[in-house]
Each structure stands twice: as C-alpha cells, then as structure tokens.
Amino acid sequence: QGTKVSCAMLVPNPSNTTPLPFLLLGIPGLEDAHTWISIPFCFMYIMALLGNSTVLLAVRLDKSLHEPMYHFISMLAVIDLIFTTAVVPKMLSVFLLGSREIAFQACFTQMFFIHMFTAVESGVLLAMSFDRYVAICNPLRYITILTEARTTQIGLLSLARGAAVMTPLMCLLTSLPYCRDRVIPHSYCEHMAVVELACADPSASHLYSIIVATLLVGTDSVFITFSYGMILRSVLRLPSRGARLKSLSTCGSHVSVILLFYMGGLLSMYLQMFSLGLAPHTRVLVADFYLTVPPMLNPLIYGMKMKQIRDGIFRLLEQLPGLRFSDAH
C-alpha cells in the first residue's frame, strides 16, 4: 500500500488517524488487591519526588556543591524525576481509579521515555565513574579536564545518545499493526508485552533492541568496571587510612547506585524475556519495583553516604523559617 511511518507523531499509519487505545491490565491475578498495592507505590513516588527535588535544590543553592560530581548527581535526580513521573501517575490511576485505557500515542511516548532515560542514566553513571577516576587517579588535572562546560556537554551527549538509539526502535514498533485484543498484561506500556499484541513479525524490533541493549549496557559497564578497578588500585596505595576511607565512602555511594541500576534492570529484563516458571504477577511486580525503587533510594544513598550532600541539605533546611539543624550534624 506504500504506507509511510510518522515516527515523530508515533502514529502507525496516516490513513488511521485515530488508532485504537490499549488497555492496561495492572497486575494480572491481583486486580482485587490493586487498592492496597497502590499504597507502597504512592509512598515510593512521593519519596522519590521529595528526595530528588531536595537534592536538586541543595546542589543548586549551595555554592560549595557547584562541582562536576554534584552536577552529575543532579542529572541523575532529574532523570529519576522524569522516570517515575512517566510511569507512576498512570500506574496509580489504573490501581485506584480503574482508568485502564491509554491512548496509542501515549503508550509509545511512555515507552520512549522509559527506554530513552534508561540509556541516559547509563551514560550519566559512566560519566560519574570517569569523574571519580580523574579526581582520584589524576587530581592535579581534575579542574582542567572536567570543566563546567565539559560537564554540561557530557550530560547533553548522554541525552542525545539515548534519543538517537531509541527513536529507531519507536519507529519500528509504531509501524507494526496491532490488531489483537489490545490488552497489555502490565501496569505500564512494557516493551515486550506491547510487542506481543502485534499481528506482524516483530523480529526486526526484537533484533534491534537486543543489539542496542547489549552494546549500550555492555560498553558502559565495561568502562565503569575499568574505572573503578583503577580507582581501587589508586585508593589502596594512599598512605593515609583516613584518605582511603574517605575515597572508598564516596565511591561506595556511586557503586551502590550502579549495582541497583544494572542488576535491577537485568533482573527485570530477563524475567520479561523468560518466565522461569514465575507467576505473571511476580514478573510485573519486579518490573514495577525496578521503575520505582531506585529513584526513591538514589537520593537516600547519596544523602547518607556523602557528607557534602547531607550538609548541603541541612543548610538548605536551615534557611526555612523555624527550622534549626545546625546542632543536628
């Protein structure tokens, strides 16, 4: 028929200007418990909003935190805010209001944001490992290598990379015809659950997503592992025990976030690809928690592990009328 694909509009066929919406099932088998299940997700969302917003404000308003490492932490906070807001409000509307319908364009837009900012976060975590590598292994050149302009460029490059690799995937997915029951057995537009509803061969999108995920995660994780290997070697050579502990504490918070991101992502992905005999609701819950737990924990990890962030938050709170934290820390 010579059909053209409009990737920018995320519409599969110009002749079909109003494609049918999808229906989100929520958590299969646990529909009666949706109201109770919504409580922890609502709590985690509120904590993610408060925690990441507080970190952003502390870094923005405290001049002592205007350094590359804290700029990268701010980028991570922005990513977490976008990540959760793209998913949780609709998830809660499914759980609490039974509002299961999601427009075709909205579904693929949500999917695009999830995958794009997963790729962006991987890039920022790589940049943070490079930042620590330069700070510990080559401290005399740190200021000249990681300037404010270069830090911004790294952030923009991570964003551009995420958009560049995910746009072709969205084009492939939106060009597929979806003619089945359109019920997604999930609480958000999960990639593999949506593709299963296509009534055409999705092998091209499957192949592309596997190649991109392998190259992206594989390359980033190799460089991150190399960076922290070199950091560990340099830290162990430091003469002062206090300096070693301080360096390990700072890097420990980064490693905790990295493990949470990559290990959680791999577990969620493999459970979607291979059921391993697990009930559908277990796999859906793991995927849901992966999108909500790390954004809630990341600011807590940085707040507890990094004294500079913690002190910056206390100084921010001290500016509020009636609050005094100077004796608390």
Protein backbone atom coordinates (compact mmCIF):
# COMPACT_ATOMS: atom_id res chain seq x y z
CA GLN A 1 0.00 0.00 0.00
CA GLY A 2 3.06 2.28 0.21
CA THR A 3 2.31 3.25 3.80
CA LYS A 4 4.67 5.82 5.31
CA VAL A 5 5.61 5.89 9.00
CA SER A 6 5.42 9.10 11.01
CA CYS A 7 7.90 8.50 13.81
CA ALA A 8 7.65 11.99 15.18
CA MET A 9 3.95 11.62 15.84
CA LEU A 10 4.23 7.98 16.89
CA VAL A 11 1.34 7.07 14.60
CA PRO A 12 1.47 3.77 12.72
CA ASN A 13 -0.45 4.80 9.64
CA PRO A 14 -1.52 8.23 8.42
CA SER A 15 -4.68 6.72 7.00
CA ASN A 16 -5.62 5.63 10.51
CA THR A 17 -5.51 8.97 12.32
CA THR A 18 -7.27 7.64 15.45
CA PRO A 19 -5.67 4.28 16.30
CA LEU A 20 -7.45 2.32 19.00
CA PRO A 21 -6.16 2.73 22.56
CA PHE A 22 -4.54 -0.01 24.63
CA LEU A 23 -5.89 -1.32 27.93
CA LEU A 24 -3.53 -1.76 30.88
CA LEU A 25 -4.48 -4.75 32.99
CA GLY A 26 -2.50 -3.63 36.02
CA ILE A 27 -1.11 -6.62 37.91
CA PRO A 28 -2.64 -9.82 36.45
CA GLY A 29 -4.26 -12.02 39.06
CA LEU A 30 -4.12 -9.34 41.75
CA GLU A 31 -6.81 -6.98 40.45
CA ASP A 32 -8.79 -7.22 43.71
CA ALA A 33 -5.75 -6.03 45.67
CA HIS A 34 -4.95 -3.05 43.42
CA THR A 35 -6.06 -0.52 46.04
CA TRP A 36 -3.72 -1.97 48.66
CA ILE A 37 -0.88 -2.38 46.15
CA SER A 38 -1.17 1.30 45.26
CA ILE A 39 -0.16 2.37 48.80
CA PRO A 40 3.56 1.41 48.62
CA PHE A 41 3.83 2.72 45.05
CA CYS A 42 2.25 6.03 46.07
CA PHE A 43 4.64 6.25 49.04
CA MET A 44 7.67 5.48 46.85
CA TYR A 45 6.60 8.09 44.28
CA ILE A 46 6.19 10.80 46.93
CA MET A 47 9.57 9.88 48.46
CA ALA A 48 11.21 9.95 45.00
CA LEU A 49 9.74 13.40 44.28
CA LEU A 50 10.76 14.82 47.67
CA GLY A 51 14.20 13.20 47.78
CA ASN A 52 15.30 14.07 44.26
CA SER A 53 13.84 17.60 44.44
CA THR A 54 15.70 18.18 47.72
CA VAL A 55 18.99 17.01 46.20
CA LEU A 56 18.42 19.28 43.19
CA LEU A 57 17.68 22.30 45.39
CA ALA A 58 20.66 21.61 47.66
CA VAL A 59 23.07 21.42 44.71
CA ARG A 60 21.51 24.43 43.02
CA LEU A 61 21.50 26.74 46.05
CA ASP A 62 24.69 25.64 47.86
CA LYS A 63 27.72 27.10 46.07
CA SER A 64 30.06 24.61 47.75
CA LEU A 65 28.30 21.88 45.73
CA HIS A 66 28.91 23.55 42.35
CA GLU A 67 31.36 20.85 41.27
CA PRO A 68 31.19 18.30 38.42
CA MET A 69 30.39 15.34 40.71
CA TYR A 70 27.35 17.11 42.16
CA HIS A 71 26.23 18.26 38.72
CA PHE A 72 26.18 14.60 37.65
CA ILE A 73 24.19 13.73 40.79
CA SER A 74 21.74 16.50 39.81
CA MET A 75 21.40 14.95 36.35
CA LEU A 76 20.65 11.62 37.99
CA ALA A 77 17.97 13.29 40.15
CA VAL A 78 16.34 14.88 37.07
CA ILE A 79 16.35 11.51 35.28
CA ASP A 80 14.72 9.84 38.30
CA LEU A 81 12.02 12.51 38.46
CA ILE A 82 11.20 12.09 34.76
CA PHE A 83 11.44 8.31 35.01
CA THR A 84 8.91 7.98 37.83
CA THR A 85 6.56 10.69 36.55
CA ALA A 86 6.36 8.97 33.15
CA VAL A 87 5.10 5.78 34.79
CA VAL A 88 3.70 6.06 38.31
CA PRO A 89 0.77 8.53 37.87
CA LYS A 90 -0.78 6.33 35.17
CA MET A 91 0.01 3.21 37.21
CA LEU A 92 -1.80 4.68 40.22
CA SER A 93 -4.78 5.67 38.09
CA VAL A 94 -5.04 2.02 36.99
CA PHE A 95 -4.78 0.77 40.58
CA LEU A 96 -7.05 3.35 42.25
CA LEU A 97 -9.47 4.58 39.59
CA GLY A 98 -9.64 1.61 37.22
CA SER A 99 -8.58 4.02 34.44
CA ARG A 100 -7.01 1.32 32.28
CA GLU A 101 -7.26 2.92 28.86
CA ILE A 102 -4.13 4.54 27.43
CA ALA A 103 -4.02 6.18 24.02
CA PHE A 104 -1.86 4.61 21.31
CA GLN A 105 0.43 7.65 21.11
CA ALA A 106 0.59 7.99 24.90
CA CYS A 107 1.58 4.33 25.27
CA PHE A 108 4.54 4.61 22.90
CA THR A 109 5.51 8.01 24.31
CA GLN A 110 5.66 6.45 27.78
CA MET A 111 7.73 3.56 26.41
CA PHE A 112 10.07 6.00 24.65
CA PHE A 113 10.69 7.98 27.87
CA ILE A 114 11.33 4.80 29.89
CA HIS A 115 13.87 3.40 27.43
CA MET A 116 15.47 6.71 26.50
CA PHE A 117 16.11 7.77 30.09
CA THR A 118 17.35 4.29 30.98
CA ALA A 119 20.00 4.84 28.30
CA VAL A 120 20.64 8.39 29.52
CA GLU A 121 21.08 7.19 33.12
CA SER A 122 23.59 4.58 31.96
CA GLY A 123 25.56 7.37 30.26
CA VAL A 124 25.46 9.57 33.37
CA LEU A 125 26.64 6.68 35.58
CA LEU A 126 29.52 6.18 33.14
CA ALA A 127 30.33 9.90 33.37
CA MET A 128 30.27 9.71 37.19
CA SER A 129 32.76 6.83 37.15
CA PHE A 130 35.04 8.88 34.86
CA ASP A 131 34.67 11.86 37.22
CA ARG A 132 35.81 9.77 40.21
CA TYR A 133 38.62 8.23 38.15
CA VAL A 134 40.05 11.65 37.27
CA ALA A 135 39.51 13.03 40.80
CA ILE A 136 41.34 10.14 42.49
CA CYS A 137 43.86 8.98 39.85
CA ASN A 138 44.73 12.35 38.30
CA PRO A 139 43.69 15.01 40.83
CA LEU A 140 46.04 17.75 39.61
CA ARG A 141 44.32 17.84 36.22
CA TYR A 142 40.75 17.42 37.55
CA ILE A 143 39.77 21.09 37.28
CA THR A 144 41.14 21.43 33.74
CA ILE A 145 39.64 18.15 32.46
CA LEU A 146 36.16 18.38 33.99
CA THR A 147 35.18 22.00 33.49
CA GLU A 148 31.59 23.14 33.93
CA ALA A 149 31.17 23.42 30.15
CA ARG A 150 32.51 19.90 29.60
CA THR A 151 30.22 18.51 32.32
CA THR A 152 27.23 20.06 30.56
CA GLN A 153 28.40 18.66 27.22
CA ILE A 154 28.68 15.16 28.71
CA GLY A 155 25.11 15.43 30.03
CA LEU A 156 23.79 16.62 26.67
CA LEU A 157 25.73 13.89 24.87
CA SER A 158 24.14 11.24 27.14
CA LEU A 159 20.71 12.71 26.37
CA ALA A 160 21.40 12.79 22.62
CA ARG A 161 22.70 9.22 22.67
CA GLY A 162 19.58 7.99 24.47
CA ALA A 163 17.27 9.74 21.99
CA ALA A 164 19.31 8.58 18.99
CA VAL A 165 19.24 4.88 19.85
CA MET A 166 15.59 4.78 20.97
CA THR A 167 13.97 6.76 18.15
CA PRO A 168 14.56 3.99 15.53
CA LEU A 169 13.08 1.42 17.95
CA MET A 170 9.94 3.51 18.37
CA CYS A 171 9.69 3.86 14.59
CA LEU A 172 9.90 0.08 14.21
CA LEU A 173 7.30 -0.53 16.92
CA THR A 174 4.79 2.08 15.77
CA SER A 175 4.98 0.79 12.19
CA LEU A 176 3.66 -2.63 13.31
CA PRO A 177 -0.08 -3.29 13.00
CA TYR A 178 -1.78 -4.01 16.33
CA CYS A 179 -4.94 -5.96 15.65
CA ARG A 180 -5.32 -8.24 18.67
CA ASP A 181 -7.30 -7.60 21.85
CA ARG A 182 -5.00 -4.67 22.79
CA VAL A 183 -4.98 -5.70 26.47
CA ILE A 184 -1.50 -5.22 27.94
CA PRO A 185 -0.98 -7.61 30.90
CA HIS A 186 1.05 -4.97 32.71
CA SER A 187 0.65 -1.74 34.69
CA TYR A 188 2.56 0.34 32.13
CA CYS A 189 3.46 0.04 28.44
CA GLU A 190 6.20 -2.54 28.84
CA HIS A 191 8.04 -3.11 25.57
CA MET A 192 7.75 -6.90 25.25
CA ALA A 193 4.16 -7.01 26.49
CA VAL A 194 3.13 -4.48 23.82
CA VAL A 195 5.05 -6.19 21.00
CA GLU A 196 3.21 -9.45 21.71
CA LEU A 197 -0.01 -7.70 20.63
CA ALA A 198 1.33 -7.07 17.11
CA CYS A 199 -0.13 -9.18 14.32
CA ALA A 200 3.00 -8.89 12.16
CA ASP A 201 6.52 -10.22 12.54
CA PRO A 202 8.31 -8.10 15.21
CA SER A 203 11.71 -9.76 14.67
CA ALA A 204 13.32 -6.53 13.37
CA SER A 205 12.41 -4.61 16.54
CA HIS A 206 13.47 -7.58 18.70
CA LEU A 207 16.86 -7.77 16.99
CA TYR A 208 17.41 -4.02 17.18
CA SER A 209 16.50 -3.82 20.88
CA ILE A 210 18.78 -6.75 21.77
CA ILE A 211 21.73 -5.29 19.83
CA VAL A 212 21.25 -1.80 21.32
CA ALA A 213 20.82 -3.08 24.89
CA THR A 214 23.87 -5.35 24.59
CA LEU A 215 26.12 -2.67 23.08
CA LEU A 216 24.92 0.14 25.34
CA VAL A 217 24.93 -1.69 28.65
CA GLY A 218 27.94 -3.83 27.72
CA THR A 219 30.13 -0.89 26.68
CA ASP A 220 29.13 1.32 29.60
CA SER A 221 29.55 -1.43 32.21
CA VAL A 222 33.00 -2.39 30.84
CA PHE A 223 34.25 1.20 31.10
CA ILE A 224 32.65 1.65 34.53
CA THR A 225 34.28 -1.56 35.80
CA PHE A 226 37.65 -0.45 34.39
CA SER A 227 37.32 3.00 36.02
CA TYR A 228 36.53 1.61 39.45
CA GLY A 229 39.25 -1.02 39.11
CA MET A 230 41.81 1.75 38.53
CA ILE A 231 40.26 3.80 41.37
CA LEU A 232 40.52 0.89 43.80
CA ARG A 233 44.15 0.36 42.87
CA SER A 234 44.95 4.05 43.46
CA VAL A 235 42.98 4.21 46.73
CA LEU A 236 44.78 1.20 48.20
CA ARG A 237 48.10 2.97 47.51
CA LEU A 238 47.15 6.07 49.53
CA PRO A 239 49.38 6.41 52.62
CA SER A 240 46.67 7.78 54.92
CA ARG A 241 43.97 5.44 56.25
CA GLY A 242 41.59 8.40 56.56
CA ALA A 243 42.09 9.35 52.90
CA ARG A 244 41.47 5.74 51.86
CA LEU A 245 38.23 5.54 53.84
CA LYS A 246 37.00 8.91 52.50
CA SER A 247 37.65 7.88 48.89
CA LEU A 248 36.04 4.47 49.38
CA SER A 249 32.99 6.06 51.05
CA THR A 250 32.46 8.48 48.14
CA CYS A 251 32.90 5.75 45.55
CA GLY A 252 30.76 3.37 47.61
CA SER A 253 27.67 5.51 47.07
CA HIS A 254 28.30 5.53 43.31
CA VAL A 255 28.83 1.76 43.22
CA SER A 256 25.62 1.20 45.21
CA VAL A 257 23.59 3.22 42.67
CA ILE A 258 25.31 1.48 39.74
CA LEU A 259 24.59 -2.01 41.12
CA LEU A 260 20.98 -1.04 41.86
CA PHE A 261 20.53 0.24 38.31
CA TYR A 262 22.24 -2.51 36.32
CA MET A 263 21.37 -5.54 38.46
CA GLY A 264 17.74 -4.43 38.81
CA GLY A 265 17.49 -3.73 35.09
CA LEU A 266 18.95 -7.10 34.08
CA LEU A 267 16.68 -8.96 36.51
CA SER A 268 13.60 -7.14 35.21
CA MET A 269 14.57 -7.67 31.55
CA TYR A 270 15.33 -11.38 31.87
CA LEU A 271 12.12 -12.04 33.80
CA GLN A 272 10.15 -10.41 30.97
CA MET A 273 12.00 -12.48 28.36
CA PHE A 274 12.00 -15.81 30.22
CA SER A 275 9.17 -16.58 32.64
CA LEU A 276 11.31 -19.10 34.60
CA GLY A 277 8.08 -20.64 35.86
CA LEU A 278 7.18 -17.48 37.81
CA ALA A 279 3.59 -16.27 38.05
CA PRO A 280 2.74 -13.30 35.74
CA HIS A 281 2.04 -11.01 38.70
CA THR A 282 5.55 -11.68 40.10
CA ARG A 283 7.22 -10.60 36.85
CA VAL A 284 5.01 -7.50 36.62
CA LEU A 285 5.74 -6.52 40.23
CA VAL A 286 9.51 -6.90 39.68
CA ALA A 287 9.29 -4.60 36.62
CA ASP A 288 7.15 -2.09 38.54
CA PHE A 289 9.53 -2.03 41.50
CA TYR A 290 12.52 -1.54 39.18
CA LEU A 291 10.95 1.69 37.90
CA THR A 292 10.05 2.99 41.37
CA VAL A 293 12.55 1.70 43.97
CA PRO A 294 15.88 3.05 42.51
CA PRO A 295 14.53 6.63 42.04
CA MET A 296 13.40 6.56 45.69
CA LEU A 297 16.66 5.08 47.02
CA ASN A 298 19.19 7.09 44.96
CA PRO A 299 18.79 10.38 46.90
CA LEU A 300 18.79 8.43 50.19
CA ILE A 301 22.02 6.67 49.21
CA TYR A 302 23.71 9.96 48.33
CA GLY A 303 22.27 11.70 51.39
CA MET A 304 23.52 9.01 53.78
CA LYS A 305 26.84 8.19 52.10
CA MET A 306 28.06 11.65 51.07
CA LYS A 307 28.62 14.17 53.87
CA GLN A 308 28.77 17.09 51.42
CA ILE A 309 25.26 16.36 50.08
CA ARG A 310 23.96 15.76 53.59
CA ASP A 311 25.42 19.04 54.85
CA GLY A 312 24.06 20.84 51.80
CA ILE A 313 20.56 19.55 52.56
CA PHE A 314 20.86 20.64 56.20
CA ARG A 315 21.99 24.11 55.11
CA LEU A 316 19.00 24.26 52.76
CA LEU A 317 16.62 23.28 55.56
CA GLU A 318 18.19 25.86 57.89
CA GLN A 319 17.01 28.58 55.53
CA LEU A 320 13.40 27.58 56.20
CA PRO A 321 11.76 29.70 58.96
CA GLY A 322 11.52 27.99 62.33
CA LEU A 323 13.94 25.16 61.45
CA ARG A 324 17.38 24.83 63.00
CA PHE A 325 19.61 21.89 62.08
CA SER A 326 22.99 23.32 62.92
CA ASP A 327 23.26 21.19 66.05
CA ALA A 328 21.91 18.03 64.42
CA HIS A 329 25.01 17.34 62.34
